[in-house]
């Protein structure tokens, strides 16, 4: 696979905070592998109390965040696949708070959550490796916004980095 750079422009402004987290060296696949390992190392040393801690009323726990990462990766890679394949059907948004409320993360063991995240990441990497530059540039619409496949696959990294930063800053 050739280098995969993040998009230079042409995306909704709310993606900027995530794109700012993505290194623009073209090594996206490597970064996605490394951040997954980083996440696994971080979670492996956390106690049940830490996993279930919320720094403020109404905020998610670390366990909730991990399940949220899995849910979002599924949605984002599905969108990327549809767009990369040239599907112009407008794709719906989703409410991450409803997803978290119904995921029952507290009832799940951390190793099972991490197994799910790892399996998703492996499938994501295989999919991304199948894309050529033309597919990366394909555009579509999700949640009413124009998006490229390139933006979405970079967003996976930026979104995970964003949440790891929050975990380190507000939870640990």
Protein backbone atom coordinates (compact mmCIF):
# COMPACT_ATOMS: atom_id res chain seq x y z
CA UNK A 1 0.00 0.00 0.00
CA UNK A 2 1.17 3.46 -0.79
CA UNK A 3 1.38 6.13 1.85
CA UNK A 4 -1.96 7.33 3.22
CA UNK A 5 -1.92 10.99 4.14
CA UNK A 6 -4.65 12.81 5.98
CA UNK A 7 -6.89 15.10 3.94
CA UNK A 8 -5.53 18.61 3.58
CA UNK A 9 -8.94 20.31 3.65
CA UNK A 10 -12.51 19.96 2.51
CA UNK A 11 -14.10 18.43 5.57
CA UNK A 12 -16.53 19.69 8.24
CA UNK A 13 -14.84 21.86 10.87
CA UNK A 14 -15.75 19.55 13.77
CA UNK A 15 -13.34 16.95 12.35
CA UNK A 16 -10.42 19.35 12.80
CA UNK A 17 -9.80 18.36 16.44
CA UNK A 18 -9.39 14.75 15.29
CA UNK A 19 -7.31 15.52 12.20
CA UNK A 20 -4.97 17.57 14.39
CA UNK A 21 -4.17 14.31 16.23
CA UNK A 22 -3.18 12.40 13.07
CA UNK A 23 0.51 12.44 12.06
CA UNK A 24 0.76 13.47 8.40
CA UNK A 25 3.70 11.27 7.52
CA UNK A 26 1.64 8.88 5.39
CA UNK A 27 2.14 5.98 7.80
CA UNK A 28 -1.50 5.72 8.87
CA UNK A 29 -1.56 1.91 8.91
CA UNK A 30 1.44 1.79 11.22
CA UNK A 31 -0.05 4.45 13.47
CA UNK A 32 -3.32 2.51 13.70
CA UNK A 33 -1.38 -0.60 14.78
CA UNK A 34 0.67 1.34 17.32
CA UNK A 35 -2.26 3.15 18.93
CA UNK A 36 -4.07 -0.17 19.33
CA UNK A 37 -1.05 -1.60 21.17
CA UNK A 38 -0.83 1.59 23.25
CA UNK A 39 -4.49 1.19 24.21
CA UNK A 40 -3.98 -2.47 25.15
CA UNK A 41 -0.97 -1.61 27.35
CA UNK A 42 -2.88 1.21 29.05
CA UNK A 43 -5.96 -0.89 29.81
CA UNK A 44 -3.96 -3.91 31.01
CA UNK A 45 -2.75 -2.07 34.12
CA UNK A 46 -6.06 -0.51 35.11
CA UNK A 47 -8.05 -1.79 38.05
CA UNK A 48 -11.79 -2.42 37.96
CA UNK A 49 -12.22 0.78 40.02
CA UNK A 50 -10.29 2.79 37.45
CA UNK A 51 -12.24 1.27 34.56
CA UNK A 52 -15.52 2.23 36.23
CA UNK A 53 -14.46 5.71 37.34
CA UNK A 54 -16.24 8.76 35.96
CA UNK A 55 -14.59 12.11 36.60
CA UNK A 56 -17.93 13.95 36.68
CA UNK A 57 -21.64 13.21 36.92
CA UNK A 58 -22.96 12.11 33.54
CA UNK A 59 -19.51 11.47 32.05
CA UNK A 60 -18.59 8.08 30.67
CA UNK A 61 -16.33 5.62 32.45
CA UNK A 62 -13.15 4.32 30.85
CA UNK A 63 -14.99 1.07 30.15
CA UNK A 64 -17.71 3.10 28.37
CA UNK A 65 -15.05 4.90 26.33
CA UNK A 66 -13.51 1.62 25.20
CA UNK A 67 -16.86 0.25 24.03
CA UNK A 68 -17.53 3.62 22.38
CA UNK A 69 -14.27 3.26 20.44
CA UNK A 70 -15.42 -0.15 19.17
CA UNK A 71 -18.87 1.12 18.23
CA UNK A 72 -17.46 4.13 16.43
CA UNK A 73 -14.87 2.11 14.54
CA UNK A 74 -17.66 -0.12 13.23
CA UNK A 75 -19.75 2.83 12.09
CA UNK A 76 -16.84 4.80 10.64
CA UNK A 77 -15.36 1.89 8.69
CA UNK A 78 -18.81 0.99 7.36
CA UNK A 79 -19.20 4.54 6.12
CA UNK A 80 -15.69 4.47 4.64
CA UNK A 81 -16.46 1.22 2.82
CA UNK A 82 -19.70 2.55 1.33
CA UNK A 83 -18.02 5.77 0.22
CA UNK A 84 -14.85 4.07 -1.07
CA UNK A 85 -17.02 1.75 -3.16
CA UNK A 86 -18.72 4.72 -4.80
CA UNK A 87 -22.04 4.51 -2.97
CA UNK A 88 -23.61 7.98 -2.99
CA UNK A 89 -26.55 7.03 -0.74
CA UNK A 90 -26.71 9.53 2.13
CA UNK A 91 -25.77 7.68 5.30
CA UNK A 92 -27.49 8.40 8.63
CA UNK A 93 -25.88 9.78 11.74
CA UNK A 94 -25.87 7.97 15.07
CA UNK A 95 -26.18 9.01 18.67
CA UNK A 96 -23.13 7.80 20.59
CA UNK A 97 -24.87 8.47 23.90
CA UNK A 98 -27.67 6.04 23.03
CA UNK A 99 -25.06 3.50 21.96
CA UNK A 100 -23.17 3.86 25.26
CA UNK A 101 -26.36 3.72 27.32
CA UNK A 102 -27.32 0.43 25.69
CA UNK A 103 -23.88 -1.21 25.45
CA UNK A 104 -23.85 -2.32 29.12
CA UNK A 105 -20.09 -1.81 29.29
CA UNK A 106 -20.03 -2.19 33.08
CA UNK A 107 -21.14 -5.80 32.68
CA UNK A 108 -18.28 -6.61 30.30
CA UNK A 109 -14.83 -7.82 31.21
CA UNK A 110 -11.98 -5.59 30.03
CA UNK A 111 -10.22 -8.44 28.23
CA UNK A 112 -13.39 -9.12 26.23
CA UNK A 113 -13.71 -5.45 25.29
CA UNK A 114 -10.06 -5.38 24.23
CA UNK A 115 -10.50 -8.58 22.23
CA UNK A 116 -13.35 -6.90 20.37
CA UNK A 117 -11.31 -3.74 19.74
CA UNK A 118 -8.37 -5.81 18.51
CA UNK A 119 -10.51 -7.85 16.11
CA UNK A 120 -12.12 -4.70 14.77
CA UNK A 121 -8.75 -3.06 14.26
CA UNK A 122 -7.42 -6.08 12.37
CA UNK A 123 -10.44 -6.01 10.04
CA UNK A 124 -10.07 -2.24 9.65
CA UNK A 125 -6.42 -2.59 8.66
CA UNK A 126 -7.16 -5.30 6.10
CA UNK A 127 -9.90 -3.15 4.59
CA UNK A 128 -7.74 -0.02 4.42
CA UNK A 129 -4.93 -2.01 2.79
CA UNK A 130 -7.37 -2.93 0.00
CA UNK A 131 -8.01 0.70 -0.96
CA UNK A 132 -6.29 2.49 -3.80
CA UNK A 133 -5.84 6.25 -4.06
CA UNK A 134 -8.99 6.62 -6.18
CA UNK A 135 -11.11 4.88 -3.55
CA UNK A 136 -9.61 7.09 -0.83
CA UNK A 137 -10.69 10.20 -2.73
CA UNK A 138 -14.28 9.04 -3.24
CA UNK A 139 -16.78 11.20 -1.44
CA UNK A 140 -20.22 10.66 -0.02
CA UNK A 141 -22.51 12.02 2.65
CA UNK A 142 -22.96 10.92 6.25
CA UNK A 143 -25.10 12.67 8.84
CA UNK A 144 -25.72 15.39 6.27
CA UNK A 145 -22.03 16.23 5.74
CA UNK A 146 -19.82 15.57 2.71
CA UNK A 147 -16.97 13.19 3.63
CA UNK A 148 -14.20 11.32 1.86
CA UNK A 149 -13.07 7.78 2.55
CA UNK A 150 -9.63 9.30 3.30
CA UNK A 151 -11.12 11.51 6.02
CA UNK A 152 -12.96 8.64 7.64
CA UNK A 153 -10.03 6.25 7.87
CA UNK A 154 -7.84 9.00 9.31
CA UNK A 155 -10.63 9.87 11.73
CA UNK A 156 -10.34 6.38 13.26
CA UNK A 157 -6.84 7.22 14.49
CA UNK A 158 -7.67 10.82 15.50
CA UNK A 159 -10.76 9.70 17.42
CA UNK A 160 -8.85 7.05 19.36
CA UNK A 161 -5.98 9.47 20.13
CA UNK A 162 -8.54 12.05 21.31
CA UNK A 163 -10.05 9.57 23.78
CA UNK A 164 -6.69 8.26 25.01
CA UNK A 165 -5.69 11.86 25.73
CA UNK A 166 -8.90 12.40 27.69
CA UNK A 167 -8.34 9.19 29.68
CA UNK A 168 -4.83 10.30 30.63
CA UNK A 169 -5.84 13.89 31.42
CA UNK A 170 -9.11 13.37 33.28
CA UNK A 171 -9.24 9.78 34.50
CA UNK A 172 -5.72 8.77 35.55
